[in-house]
Amino acid sequence: MTTDSAGKRSPTSCADRLAAAGIELPEPFPSFGSYIMCKRWGSQLFTAGHVSAAGDQFITGKLGGSLDVEAGRDAARLAARSLLASVQAELGDLDQVEQVLQVLVTVNATPEFTDHTAVADAASDVLTAAFGEAGRHPRLAVGVSSLPADLAVEVQATFGLTS
């Protein structure tokens, strides 16, 4: 913890920031196919898409159909937590992340659904909670007609690493 000019204590590590935000990471999720969850290339780390799971239950359905915006935001938060768990497992320590470079949030949605960015903001908020200002990132939020297994949301990211 560090102390700012107003005497307020602020977390300095990702683990401290996550704890302060009340965010716990799940166990890393395995891949379900012929791919890996993370790939390090030089000073960058690329992730596969991570989905929203609560324990062994997946959040499924379409936004604008069986799911409302708040359910989508919950799904996006869970997917971002899963993504961070994979990054931590790959690197051993989230503090090796220097910057979140880019995020893609894919939303399983009906053609009428238009609140993709509200859903994606929830995933972005988790990354900003973990990395502070270094967690702010460019992002693409898109709606698609389906995701594998009718999953609600998928989140993918690219990270810049300290070395």
Protein backbone atom coordinates (compact mmCIF):
# COMPACT_ATOMS: atom_id res chain seq x y z
CA MET A 1 0.00 0.00 0.00
CA THR A 2 1.06 3.55 -0.70
CA THR A 3 -0.29 6.78 0.73
CA ASP A 4 -1.43 9.59 -1.57
CA SER A 5 -1.15 13.34 -0.92
CA ALA A 6 -4.47 13.33 0.98
CA GLY A 7 -3.20 10.61 3.32
CA LYS A 8 -5.47 7.97 1.76
CA ARG A 9 -3.94 4.51 1.40
CA SER A 10 -4.10 2.96 -2.03
CA PRO A 11 -3.19 -0.57 -3.17
CA THR A 12 0.06 -0.98 -5.10
CA SER A 13 -0.09 -4.56 -6.38
CA CYS A 14 -2.72 -6.19 -8.55
CA ALA A 15 -3.53 -8.59 -5.73
CA ASP A 16 -4.03 -5.65 -3.35
CA ARG A 17 -6.21 -3.79 -5.87
CA LEU A 18 -8.33 -6.87 -6.55
CA ALA A 19 -8.76 -7.51 -2.82
CA ALA A 20 -9.69 -3.86 -2.22
CA ALA A 21 -12.34 -4.16 -4.95
CA GLY A 22 -13.65 -7.42 -3.49
CA ILE A 23 -12.73 -9.37 -6.62
CA GLU A 24 -11.60 -12.98 -6.24
CA LEU A 25 -10.15 -14.90 -9.15
CA PRO A 26 -11.43 -18.39 -9.95
CA GLU A 27 -9.25 -21.34 -10.83
CA PRO A 28 -7.88 -20.98 -14.38
CA PHE A 29 -10.24 -22.38 -16.96
CA PRO A 30 -8.98 -25.05 -19.39
CA SER A 31 -9.35 -24.73 -23.14
CA PHE A 32 -12.09 -26.72 -24.83
CA GLY A 33 -10.32 -27.42 -28.08
CA SER A 34 -7.09 -27.37 -30.02
CA TYR A 35 -5.82 -24.09 -28.60
CA ILE A 36 -4.14 -22.65 -25.53
CA MET A 37 -5.55 -20.00 -23.19
CA CYS A 38 -2.53 -17.66 -23.35
CA LYS A 39 0.38 -17.11 -25.71
CA ARG A 40 3.38 -15.02 -24.77
CA TRP A 41 5.24 -13.42 -27.65
CA GLY A 42 8.11 -11.14 -26.69
CA SER A 43 6.75 -8.54 -24.31
CA GLN A 44 3.11 -9.24 -25.16
CA LEU A 45 0.60 -11.77 -23.90
CA PHE A 46 -2.39 -12.72 -26.02
CA THR A 47 -5.38 -14.52 -24.54
CA ALA A 48 -8.00 -16.79 -26.00
CA GLY A 49 -11.61 -15.86 -25.47
CA HIS A 50 -12.71 -16.40 -21.88
CA VAL A 51 -16.30 -17.14 -20.99
CA SER A 52 -18.48 -16.53 -18.00
CA ALA A 53 -18.77 -19.38 -15.56
CA ALA A 54 -19.98 -19.42 -11.98
CA GLY A 55 -18.45 -22.54 -10.51
CA ASP A 56 -19.26 -25.32 -12.95
CA GLN A 57 -22.27 -23.49 -14.41
CA PHE A 58 -21.96 -21.36 -17.54
CA ILE A 59 -24.01 -18.24 -18.14
CA THR A 60 -25.84 -18.91 -21.38
CA GLY A 61 -28.46 -17.14 -23.43
CA LYS A 62 -28.86 -14.12 -25.65
CA LEU A 63 -28.78 -10.52 -24.52
CA GLY A 64 -32.06 -8.96 -25.54
CA GLY A 65 -33.67 -12.40 -25.34
CA SER A 66 -33.46 -14.49 -22.19
CA LEU A 67 -30.84 -12.17 -20.63
CA ASP A 68 -31.08 -8.49 -19.72
CA VAL A 69 -28.24 -5.97 -19.58
CA GLU A 70 -27.47 -6.61 -15.88
CA ALA A 71 -27.19 -10.38 -16.52
CA GLY A 72 -24.85 -9.57 -19.40
CA ARG A 73 -22.75 -7.32 -17.17
CA ASP A 74 -22.51 -10.14 -14.60
CA ALA A 75 -21.41 -12.51 -17.38
CA ALA A 76 -18.79 -10.02 -18.59
CA ARG A 77 -17.38 -9.57 -15.07
CA LEU A 78 -17.09 -13.34 -14.64
CA ALA A 79 -15.40 -13.70 -18.03
CA ALA A 80 -12.89 -10.96 -17.17
CA ARG A 81 -12.13 -12.66 -13.84
CA SER A 82 -11.55 -15.94 -15.70
CA LEU A 83 -9.24 -14.14 -18.13
CA LEU A 84 -7.21 -12.67 -15.24
CA ALA A 85 -6.94 -16.12 -13.65
CA SER A 86 -5.43 -17.48 -16.88
CA VAL A 87 -3.02 -14.56 -17.15
CA GLN A 88 -1.92 -15.07 -13.54
CA ALA A 89 -1.43 -18.80 -14.15
CA GLU A 90 0.63 -18.07 -17.27
CA LEU A 91 2.82 -15.35 -15.75
CA GLY A 92 2.86 -16.41 -12.11
CA ASP A 93 2.07 -12.84 -11.06
CA LEU A 94 -0.30 -10.23 -12.48
CA ASP A 95 2.23 -7.52 -11.61
CA GLN A 96 4.18 -8.57 -14.71
CA VAL A 97 1.47 -6.84 -16.75
CA GLU A 98 2.58 -3.32 -17.58
CA GLN A 99 -0.45 -2.33 -19.64
CA VAL A 100 -3.72 -3.71 -21.00
CA LEU A 101 -3.28 -3.07 -24.72
CA GLN A 102 -6.59 -4.12 -26.21
CA VAL A 103 -9.82 -5.90 -25.24
CA LEU A 104 -12.48 -7.59 -27.37
CA VAL A 105 -15.87 -8.34 -25.81
CA THR A 106 -18.19 -10.54 -27.86
CA VAL A 107 -21.84 -10.53 -26.83
CA ASN A 108 -24.35 -13.20 -27.83
CA ALA A 109 -27.28 -10.97 -28.72
CA THR A 110 -30.55 -10.66 -30.56
CA PRO A 111 -30.53 -8.35 -33.59
CA GLU A 112 -32.53 -5.80 -31.60
CA PHE A 113 -30.06 -5.60 -28.69
CA THR A 114 -28.06 -2.34 -28.69
CA ASP A 115 -26.41 -2.13 -25.24
CA HIS A 116 -23.21 -4.02 -26.10
CA THR A 117 -21.00 -1.30 -24.62
CA ALA A 118 -22.87 -1.40 -21.28
CA VAL A 119 -22.14 -5.13 -21.10
CA ALA A 120 -18.50 -4.68 -22.16
CA ASP A 121 -17.96 -1.90 -19.61
CA ALA A 122 -18.31 -4.48 -16.83
CA ALA A 123 -15.33 -6.46 -18.18
CA SER A 124 -13.34 -3.24 -18.62
CA ASP A 125 -14.13 -2.26 -15.04
CA VAL A 126 -12.61 -5.53 -13.74
CA LEU A 127 -9.39 -4.90 -15.69
CA THR A 128 -9.17 -1.33 -14.45
CA ALA A 129 -9.76 -2.52 -10.88
CA ALA A 130 -6.87 -4.98 -11.27
CA PHE A 131 -4.33 -2.75 -13.01
CA GLY A 132 -5.36 0.79 -12.13
CA GLU A 133 -4.59 3.34 -14.85
CA ALA A 134 -2.59 0.65 -16.72
CA GLY A 135 -5.85 -1.26 -17.07
CA ARG A 136 -7.49 1.43 -19.22
CA HIS A 137 -7.57 0.16 -22.79
CA PRO A 138 -8.97 0.45 -26.29
CA ARG A 139 -11.83 -1.99 -26.77
CA LEU A 140 -14.14 -3.45 -29.36
CA ALA A 141 -17.58 -4.61 -28.22
CA VAL A 142 -19.54 -6.58 -30.79
CA GLY A 143 -22.76 -8.52 -30.89
CA VAL A 144 -22.98 -11.83 -32.68
CA SER A 145 -25.88 -14.12 -33.53
CA SER A 146 -24.39 -16.98 -31.50
CA LEU A 147 -21.45 -18.09 -29.40
CA PRO A 148 -20.37 -21.71 -28.79
CA ALA A 149 -22.74 -23.57 -26.45
CA ASP A 150 -25.01 -20.47 -26.37
CA LEU A 151 -22.55 -18.73 -24.02
CA ALA A 152 -23.58 -15.17 -23.19
CA VAL A 153 -20.26 -13.31 -23.36
CA GLU A 154 -16.65 -13.94 -24.35
CA VAL A 155 -13.72 -11.67 -23.45
CA GLN A 156 -10.27 -11.64 -25.09
CA ALA A 157 -7.33 -9.31 -24.37
CA THR A 158 -3.76 -8.43 -25.26
CA PHE A 159 -1.35 -7.32 -22.53
CA GLY A 160 2.01 -5.53 -22.60
CA LEU A 161 4.46 -7.10 -20.15
CA THR A 162 7.23 -5.61 -18.07
CA SER A 163 9.88 -7.80 -19.69
